N, C-alpha and C. Protein backbone atom coordinates (compact mmCIF):
# COMPACT_ATOMS: atom_id res chain seq x y z
N MET A 1 0.85 -1.18 0.00
CA MET A 1 0.00 0.00 0.00
C MET A 1 0.89 1.24 0.00
N PRO A 2 0.59 2.19 -0.86
CA PRO A 2 1.40 3.41 -0.92
C PRO A 2 1.19 4.27 0.31
N CYS A 3 2.16 5.15 0.54
CA CYS A 3 2.01 6.06 1.67
C CYS A 3 0.86 7.02 1.40
N SER A 4 0.30 7.54 2.47
CA SER A 4 -0.83 8.46 2.30
C SER A 4 -0.38 9.91 2.26
N ASP A 5 0.91 10.16 2.43
CA ASP A 5 1.44 11.53 2.42
C ASP A 5 2.10 11.82 1.08
N LEU A 6 1.40 12.53 0.22
CA LEU A 6 1.94 12.88 -1.09
C LEU A 6 2.53 14.29 -1.10
N THR A 7 2.63 14.90 0.07
CA THR A 7 3.17 16.24 0.15
C THR A 7 4.55 16.29 -0.49
N GLU A 8 4.81 17.36 -1.22
CA GLU A 8 6.10 17.55 -1.86
C GLU A 8 6.77 18.78 -1.27
N ARG A 9 8.08 18.81 -1.42
CA ARG A 9 8.85 19.97 -1.00
C ARG A 9 9.72 20.41 -2.15
N ILE A 10 9.76 21.71 -2.34
CA ILE A 10 10.67 22.26 -3.34
C ILE A 10 11.63 23.20 -2.63
N GLU A 11 12.89 23.01 -2.93
CA GLU A 11 13.94 23.89 -2.40
C GLU A 11 14.53 24.62 -3.59
N ILE A 12 14.53 25.93 -3.51
CA ILE A 12 15.00 26.78 -4.61
C ILE A 12 16.13 27.65 -4.10
N ALA A 13 17.22 27.68 -4.84
CA ALA A 13 18.34 28.57 -4.51
C ALA A 13 18.43 29.65 -5.58
N LEU A 14 18.40 30.89 -5.13
CA LEU A 14 18.54 32.04 -6.01
C LEU A 14 19.89 32.69 -5.75
N ASP A 15 20.51 33.20 -6.79
CA ASP A 15 21.79 33.88 -6.59
C ASP A 15 21.55 35.29 -6.03
N ALA A 16 22.61 36.04 -5.84
CA ALA A 16 22.51 37.37 -5.24
C ALA A 16 21.68 38.34 -6.07
N HIS A 17 21.45 38.02 -7.34
CA HIS A 17 20.66 38.86 -8.24
C HIS A 17 19.22 38.37 -8.39
N GLY A 18 18.85 37.33 -7.64
CA GLY A 18 17.50 36.80 -7.71
C GLY A 18 17.26 35.89 -8.89
N CYS A 19 18.33 35.30 -9.41
CA CYS A 19 18.21 34.37 -10.54
C CYS A 19 18.38 32.93 -10.05
N LEU A 20 17.68 32.02 -10.71
CA LEU A 20 17.69 30.62 -10.32
C LEU A 20 19.07 30.01 -10.45
N LYS A 21 19.57 29.44 -9.35
CA LYS A 21 20.84 28.71 -9.36
C LYS A 21 20.57 27.21 -9.44
N ARG A 22 19.63 26.76 -8.59
CA ARG A 22 19.30 25.34 -8.55
C ARG A 22 17.96 25.18 -7.85
N TYR A 23 17.40 24.01 -8.01
CA TYR A 23 16.20 23.65 -7.27
C TYR A 23 16.10 22.14 -7.24
N ARG A 24 15.28 21.65 -6.34
CA ARG A 24 14.97 20.22 -6.33
C ARG A 24 13.57 20.03 -5.78
N LEU A 25 12.83 19.18 -6.44
CA LEU A 25 11.46 18.86 -6.08
C LEU A 25 11.43 17.41 -5.63
N ARG A 26 11.04 17.21 -4.38
CA ARG A 26 11.08 15.87 -3.80
C ARG A 26 9.82 15.60 -2.99
N LYS A 27 9.51 14.33 -2.81
CA LYS A 27 8.43 13.93 -1.91
C LYS A 27 8.87 14.19 -0.48
N GLN A 28 8.00 14.74 0.32
CA GLN A 28 8.36 15.05 1.69
C GLN A 28 8.57 13.78 2.51
N HIS A 29 7.69 12.82 2.40
CA HIS A 29 7.72 11.65 3.26
C HIS A 29 8.94 10.75 3.01
N CYS A 30 9.16 10.39 1.74
CA CYS A 30 10.23 9.44 1.44
C CYS A 30 11.48 10.10 0.88
N GLY A 31 11.39 11.38 0.51
CA GLY A 31 12.55 12.09 -0.01
C GLY A 31 12.91 11.78 -1.45
N ARG A 32 12.10 11.00 -2.12
CA ARG A 32 12.39 10.66 -3.52
C ARG A 32 12.08 11.85 -4.43
N PRO A 33 12.84 11.96 -5.51
CA PRO A 33 12.57 13.05 -6.45
C PRO A 33 11.23 12.83 -7.16
N VAL A 34 10.65 13.92 -7.60
CA VAL A 34 9.43 13.87 -8.39
C VAL A 34 9.89 13.89 -9.85
N GLY A 35 9.96 12.71 -10.46
CA GLY A 35 10.60 12.59 -11.77
C GLY A 35 12.09 12.84 -11.54
N ALA A 36 12.68 13.64 -12.38
CA ALA A 36 14.05 14.11 -12.12
C ALA A 36 13.91 15.24 -11.12
N GLN A 37 14.72 15.27 -10.09
CA GLN A 37 14.51 16.25 -9.01
C GLN A 37 14.65 17.70 -9.45
N ALA A 38 15.31 17.95 -10.58
CA ALA A 38 15.47 19.31 -11.10
C ALA A 38 15.28 19.28 -12.62
N LEU A 39 14.15 18.76 -13.04
CA LEU A 39 13.86 18.51 -14.45
C LEU A 39 14.09 19.72 -15.35
N LEU A 40 13.75 20.90 -14.89
CA LEU A 40 13.82 22.10 -15.73
C LEU A 40 15.06 22.97 -15.48
N LEU A 41 15.95 22.52 -14.63
CA LEU A 41 17.06 23.36 -14.24
C LEU A 41 17.96 23.77 -15.41
N ALA A 42 18.28 22.85 -16.28
CA ALA A 42 19.17 23.18 -17.40
C ALA A 42 18.57 24.30 -18.25
N ALA A 43 17.27 24.30 -18.42
CA ALA A 43 16.61 25.32 -19.24
C ALA A 43 16.38 26.62 -18.50
N LEU A 44 16.15 26.55 -17.18
CA LEU A 44 15.76 27.74 -16.42
C LEU A 44 16.88 28.38 -15.60
N ARG A 45 18.00 27.71 -15.49
CA ARG A 45 19.10 28.28 -14.69
C ARG A 45 19.43 29.67 -15.23
N GLY A 46 19.53 30.64 -14.32
CA GLY A 46 19.84 32.01 -14.71
C GLY A 46 18.62 32.88 -14.95
N TYR A 47 17.42 32.27 -15.04
CA TYR A 47 16.20 33.06 -15.20
C TYR A 47 15.92 33.79 -13.88
N ASP A 48 15.45 35.05 -13.97
CA ASP A 48 15.07 35.73 -12.74
C ASP A 48 13.64 35.35 -12.36
N ILE A 49 13.23 35.75 -11.18
CA ILE A 49 11.92 35.37 -10.64
C ILE A 49 10.79 35.79 -11.57
N ASP A 50 10.81 37.04 -12.04
CA ASP A 50 9.72 37.52 -12.89
C ASP A 50 9.62 36.72 -14.18
N ARG A 51 10.76 36.36 -14.74
CA ARG A 51 10.76 35.59 -15.99
C ARG A 51 10.17 34.19 -15.76
N ILE A 52 10.50 33.57 -14.63
CA ILE A 52 9.94 32.25 -14.32
C ILE A 52 8.44 32.36 -14.08
N LEU A 53 8.03 33.38 -13.33
CA LEU A 53 6.60 33.55 -13.05
C LEU A 53 5.78 33.85 -14.30
N ALA A 54 6.41 34.40 -15.31
CA ALA A 54 5.70 34.77 -16.54
C ALA A 54 5.53 33.60 -17.52
N ILE A 55 6.18 32.49 -17.26
CA ILE A 55 6.10 31.35 -18.19
C ILE A 55 4.69 30.76 -18.18
N ILE A 56 4.17 30.52 -19.35
CA ILE A 56 2.88 29.85 -19.52
C ILE A 56 3.21 28.44 -19.99
N SER A 57 2.73 27.46 -19.24
CA SER A 57 3.16 26.08 -19.48
C SER A 57 2.87 25.60 -20.90
N ASP A 58 1.71 25.95 -21.46
CA ASP A 58 1.41 25.51 -22.84
C ASP A 58 2.41 26.09 -23.83
N GLN A 59 2.76 27.35 -23.66
CA GLN A 59 3.75 27.97 -24.56
C GLN A 59 5.13 27.36 -24.34
N TRP A 60 5.48 27.10 -23.09
CA TRP A 60 6.77 26.47 -22.79
C TRP A 60 6.88 25.13 -23.50
N LEU A 61 5.80 24.34 -23.42
CA LEU A 61 5.83 23.01 -24.03
C LEU A 61 5.83 23.07 -25.55
N GLU A 62 5.28 24.13 -26.12
CA GLU A 62 5.38 24.31 -27.58
C GLU A 62 6.84 24.55 -27.97
N GLU A 63 7.53 25.34 -27.18
CA GLU A 63 8.93 25.67 -27.47
C GLU A 63 9.90 24.58 -27.02
N HIS A 64 9.51 23.80 -26.03
CA HIS A 64 10.34 22.72 -25.47
C HIS A 64 9.49 21.46 -25.39
N PRO A 65 9.20 20.84 -26.53
CA PRO A 65 8.29 19.69 -26.54
C PRO A 65 8.77 18.53 -25.67
N ALA A 66 7.83 17.93 -24.97
CA ALA A 66 8.12 16.76 -24.14
C ALA A 66 8.16 15.53 -25.03
N GLU A 67 8.96 14.56 -24.63
CA GLU A 67 9.10 13.33 -25.42
C GLU A 67 8.00 12.33 -25.13
N SER A 68 7.27 12.53 -24.04
CA SER A 68 6.20 11.59 -23.68
C SER A 68 5.16 12.33 -22.84
N SER A 69 4.04 11.67 -22.63
CA SER A 69 3.00 12.28 -21.79
C SER A 69 3.47 12.37 -20.34
N VAL A 70 4.29 11.43 -19.90
CA VAL A 70 4.83 11.49 -18.54
C VAL A 70 5.76 12.69 -18.40
N GLU A 71 6.63 12.91 -19.39
CA GLU A 71 7.52 14.06 -19.33
C GLU A 71 6.73 15.37 -19.38
N GLU A 72 5.67 15.41 -20.15
CA GLU A 72 4.83 16.61 -20.20
C GLU A 72 4.20 16.88 -18.84
N PHE A 73 3.67 15.82 -18.21
CA PHE A 73 3.07 15.96 -16.89
C PHE A 73 4.11 16.47 -15.89
N LEU A 74 5.30 15.87 -15.90
CA LEU A 74 6.34 16.28 -14.96
C LEU A 74 6.83 17.70 -15.22
N THR A 75 6.91 18.08 -16.48
CA THR A 75 7.30 19.45 -16.82
C THR A 75 6.29 20.44 -16.24
N ARG A 76 5.02 20.17 -16.45
CA ARG A 76 3.98 21.04 -15.89
C ARG A 76 4.04 21.07 -14.37
N LYS A 77 4.27 19.91 -13.76
CA LYS A 77 4.33 19.81 -12.30
C LYS A 77 5.51 20.61 -11.75
N HIS A 78 6.68 20.46 -12.36
CA HIS A 78 7.86 21.20 -11.89
C HIS A 78 7.68 22.70 -12.09
N LEU A 79 7.15 23.09 -13.23
CA LEU A 79 6.94 24.51 -13.49
C LEU A 79 5.93 25.10 -12.50
N ALA A 80 4.85 24.38 -12.25
CA ALA A 80 3.84 24.86 -11.29
C ALA A 80 4.44 24.96 -9.89
N ALA A 81 5.26 24.01 -9.51
CA ALA A 81 5.89 24.04 -8.19
C ALA A 81 6.83 25.23 -8.06
N LEU A 82 7.65 25.45 -9.06
CA LEU A 82 8.57 26.60 -9.06
C LEU A 82 7.79 27.91 -8.97
N GLN A 83 6.78 28.04 -9.81
CA GLN A 83 6.01 29.28 -9.85
C GLN A 83 5.25 29.50 -8.54
N SER A 84 4.67 28.45 -7.98
CA SER A 84 3.94 28.59 -6.71
C SER A 84 4.87 29.03 -5.60
N ALA A 85 6.03 28.37 -5.51
CA ALA A 85 6.99 28.72 -4.46
C ALA A 85 7.50 30.14 -4.61
N LEU A 86 7.80 30.55 -5.83
CA LEU A 86 8.30 31.92 -6.05
C LEU A 86 7.20 32.95 -5.82
N ALA A 87 5.95 32.60 -6.12
CA ALA A 87 4.84 33.51 -5.84
C ALA A 87 4.66 33.70 -4.33
N VAL A 88 4.85 32.65 -3.56
CA VAL A 88 4.80 32.77 -2.10
C VAL A 88 5.97 33.63 -1.63
N TYR A 89 7.15 33.36 -2.13
CA TYR A 89 8.34 34.10 -1.72
C TYR A 89 8.21 35.60 -1.98
N THR A 90 7.60 35.96 -3.12
CA THR A 90 7.46 37.37 -3.47
C THR A 90 6.21 38.02 -2.89
N GLY A 91 5.40 37.25 -2.18
CA GLY A 91 4.19 37.79 -1.57
C GLY A 91 3.01 37.89 -2.51
N GLN A 92 3.11 37.33 -3.69
CA GLN A 92 2.01 37.36 -4.65
C GLN A 92 0.96 36.31 -4.33
N ARG A 93 1.30 35.42 -3.40
CA ARG A 93 0.40 34.34 -3.03
C ARG A 93 0.60 34.06 -1.55
N GLY A 94 -0.50 33.75 -0.87
CA GLY A 94 -0.39 33.40 0.55
C GLY A 94 0.41 32.12 0.72
N GLY A 95 1.12 32.00 1.82
CA GLY A 95 1.93 30.81 2.04
C GLY A 95 1.90 30.35 3.48
N GLY A 96 0.80 30.67 4.15
CA GLY A 96 0.69 30.32 5.56
C GLY A 96 0.19 28.91 5.77
N PRO A 97 0.11 28.49 7.03
CA PRO A 97 -0.38 27.14 7.35
C PRO A 97 -1.75 26.89 6.74
N GLY A 98 -1.92 25.70 6.19
CA GLY A 98 -3.19 25.33 5.58
C GLY A 98 -3.32 25.72 4.12
N GLU A 99 -2.40 26.52 3.62
CA GLU A 99 -2.42 26.90 2.20
C GLU A 99 -1.87 25.73 1.37
N PRO A 100 -2.28 25.63 0.11
CA PRO A 100 -1.75 24.56 -0.75
C PRO A 100 -0.23 24.64 -0.93
N CYS A 101 0.29 25.84 -0.83
CA CYS A 101 1.73 26.07 -0.95
C CYS A 101 2.15 26.83 0.31
N THR A 102 2.88 26.15 1.19
CA THR A 102 3.22 26.71 2.49
C THR A 102 4.71 26.99 2.61
N ALA A 103 5.04 28.21 2.95
CA ALA A 103 6.44 28.57 3.16
C ALA A 103 6.95 27.84 4.40
N VAL A 104 8.09 27.19 4.27
CA VAL A 104 8.70 26.49 5.39
C VAL A 104 9.86 27.31 5.93
N SER A 105 10.74 27.76 5.03
CA SER A 105 11.87 28.57 5.49
C SER A 105 12.47 29.35 4.33
N VAL A 106 13.15 30.43 4.70
CA VAL A 106 13.94 31.23 3.77
C VAL A 106 15.25 31.53 4.47
N ARG A 107 16.35 31.13 3.83
CA ARG A 107 17.68 31.42 4.37
C ARG A 107 18.37 32.36 3.39
N ALA A 108 18.64 33.54 3.86
CA ALA A 108 19.30 34.53 3.00
C ALA A 108 20.75 34.66 3.42
N GLY A 109 21.62 34.50 2.45
CA GLY A 109 23.04 34.67 2.68
C GLY A 109 23.58 35.74 1.75
N GLU A 110 24.86 35.93 1.80
CA GLU A 110 25.48 36.95 0.96
C GLU A 110 25.43 36.58 -0.52
N ASP A 111 25.62 35.29 -0.82
CA ASP A 111 25.70 34.85 -2.21
C ASP A 111 24.43 34.21 -2.74
N GLU A 112 23.54 33.76 -1.84
CA GLU A 112 22.33 33.10 -2.32
C GLU A 112 21.24 33.14 -1.26
N THR A 113 20.03 32.95 -1.75
CA THR A 113 18.86 32.81 -0.90
C THR A 113 18.26 31.45 -1.20
N VAL A 114 17.96 30.69 -0.16
CA VAL A 114 17.39 29.36 -0.32
C VAL A 114 15.98 29.37 0.26
N ILE A 115 15.04 28.99 -0.58
CA ILE A 115 13.62 29.00 -0.22
C ILE A 115 13.16 27.55 -0.13
N LEU A 116 12.46 27.19 0.94
CA LEU A 116 11.90 25.86 1.09
C LEU A 116 10.40 25.99 1.25
N VAL A 117 9.67 25.31 0.38
CA VAL A 117 8.21 25.40 0.37
C VAL A 117 7.62 24.00 0.33
N GLN A 118 6.55 23.81 1.06
CA GLN A 118 5.83 22.55 1.08
C GLN A 118 4.61 22.68 0.18
N LEU A 119 4.39 21.68 -0.66
CA LEU A 119 3.28 21.70 -1.62
C LEU A 119 2.31 20.57 -1.31
N ALA A 120 1.05 20.91 -1.10
CA ALA A 120 0.04 19.89 -0.86
C ALA A 120 -0.34 19.25 -2.19
N VAL A 121 -0.41 17.94 -2.19
CA VAL A 121 -0.84 17.21 -3.38
C VAL A 121 -2.04 16.40 -2.95
N ASP A 122 -3.16 16.64 -3.58
CA ASP A 122 -4.40 16.01 -3.17
C ASP A 122 -4.84 15.00 -4.23
N LEU A 123 -4.26 13.81 -4.18
CA LEU A 123 -4.58 12.75 -5.13
C LEU A 123 -4.83 11.46 -4.37
N PRO A 124 -5.63 10.56 -4.95
CA PRO A 124 -5.80 9.26 -4.30
C PRO A 124 -4.56 8.40 -4.52
N THR A 125 -3.83 8.09 -3.45
CA THR A 125 -2.57 7.36 -3.59
C THR A 125 -2.74 5.96 -4.14
N ALA A 126 -3.84 5.32 -3.88
CA ALA A 126 -4.04 3.96 -4.37
C ALA A 126 -4.07 3.91 -5.89
N ASP A 127 -4.37 5.02 -6.53
CA ASP A 127 -4.45 5.06 -7.99
C ASP A 127 -3.13 5.40 -8.66
N ILE A 128 -2.05 5.49 -7.89
CA ILE A 128 -0.76 5.85 -8.46
C ILE A 128 0.13 4.61 -8.45
N PRO A 129 0.21 3.92 -9.57
CA PRO A 129 0.94 2.65 -9.61
C PRO A 129 2.40 2.77 -9.20
N THR A 130 3.08 3.83 -9.59
CA THR A 130 4.50 3.93 -9.27
C THR A 130 4.73 4.03 -7.77
N CYS A 131 3.84 4.70 -7.05
CA CYS A 131 3.98 4.76 -5.59
C CYS A 131 3.76 3.37 -5.00
N ALA A 132 2.75 2.67 -5.49
CA ALA A 132 2.47 1.32 -4.97
C ALA A 132 3.64 0.38 -5.26
N LEU A 133 4.21 0.47 -6.45
CA LEU A 133 5.34 -0.38 -6.79
C LEU A 133 6.55 -0.06 -5.94
N ARG A 134 6.82 1.21 -5.73
CA ARG A 134 7.98 1.60 -4.92
C ARG A 134 7.83 1.10 -3.49
N VAL A 135 6.63 1.27 -2.92
CA VAL A 135 6.42 0.83 -1.54
C VAL A 135 6.59 -0.68 -1.46
N ALA A 136 6.05 -1.40 -2.44
CA ALA A 136 6.17 -2.86 -2.44
C ALA A 136 7.63 -3.27 -2.54
N SER A 137 8.40 -2.62 -3.40
CA SER A 137 9.81 -2.99 -3.54
C SER A 137 10.62 -2.55 -2.32
N ASP A 138 10.21 -1.47 -1.67
CA ASP A 138 10.93 -1.01 -0.48
C ASP A 138 10.70 -1.95 0.72
N THR A 139 9.55 -2.63 0.73
CA THR A 139 9.25 -3.51 1.86
C THR A 139 9.56 -4.96 1.56
N ALA A 140 9.94 -5.27 0.33
CA ALA A 140 10.29 -6.65 -0.03
C ALA A 140 11.59 -7.05 0.66
N PRO A 141 11.69 -8.33 1.03
CA PRO A 141 12.93 -8.77 1.68
C PRO A 141 14.12 -8.58 0.75
N SER A 142 15.24 -8.24 1.32
CA SER A 142 16.45 -8.02 0.54
C SER A 142 17.38 -9.20 0.71
N ASN A 143 18.05 -9.57 -0.38
CA ASN A 143 19.03 -10.66 -0.33
C ASN A 143 20.43 -10.11 -0.06
N ARG A 144 20.56 -8.81 0.09
CA ARG A 144 21.87 -8.23 0.34
C ARG A 144 22.30 -8.44 1.78
N LEU A 145 23.58 -8.64 1.97
CA LEU A 145 24.13 -8.79 3.32
C LEU A 145 24.58 -7.47 3.88
């Protein structure tokens, strides 16, 4: 049986100019990446916050076609997570307790700012085969010593 906690966390690092340095999108409970943990980083590295917030997913996918429906889904998911977290960070969206996108922490340093946001995912876990398979393989006996 898959876990019932589908909450995700995105950690975003911005450079001193407010441009994307890195990010990672992971499941909160098990820590596994959501697809590739930084699926869009190669394309978005160096984009400033306003440029990321202005991206329209349909237009992005026209310019950067996905190779499969799974990749398209993950692209949309990563883009939505980035945009939601940055909207909370900039105050364009609420990020308090109980919100779908909740600010966890912001660490500001001289060279970078790191934003951590929790994202609520409201899906029936039993209908997600990959979660069920992962849980089954994680609980299967291991032959390793």
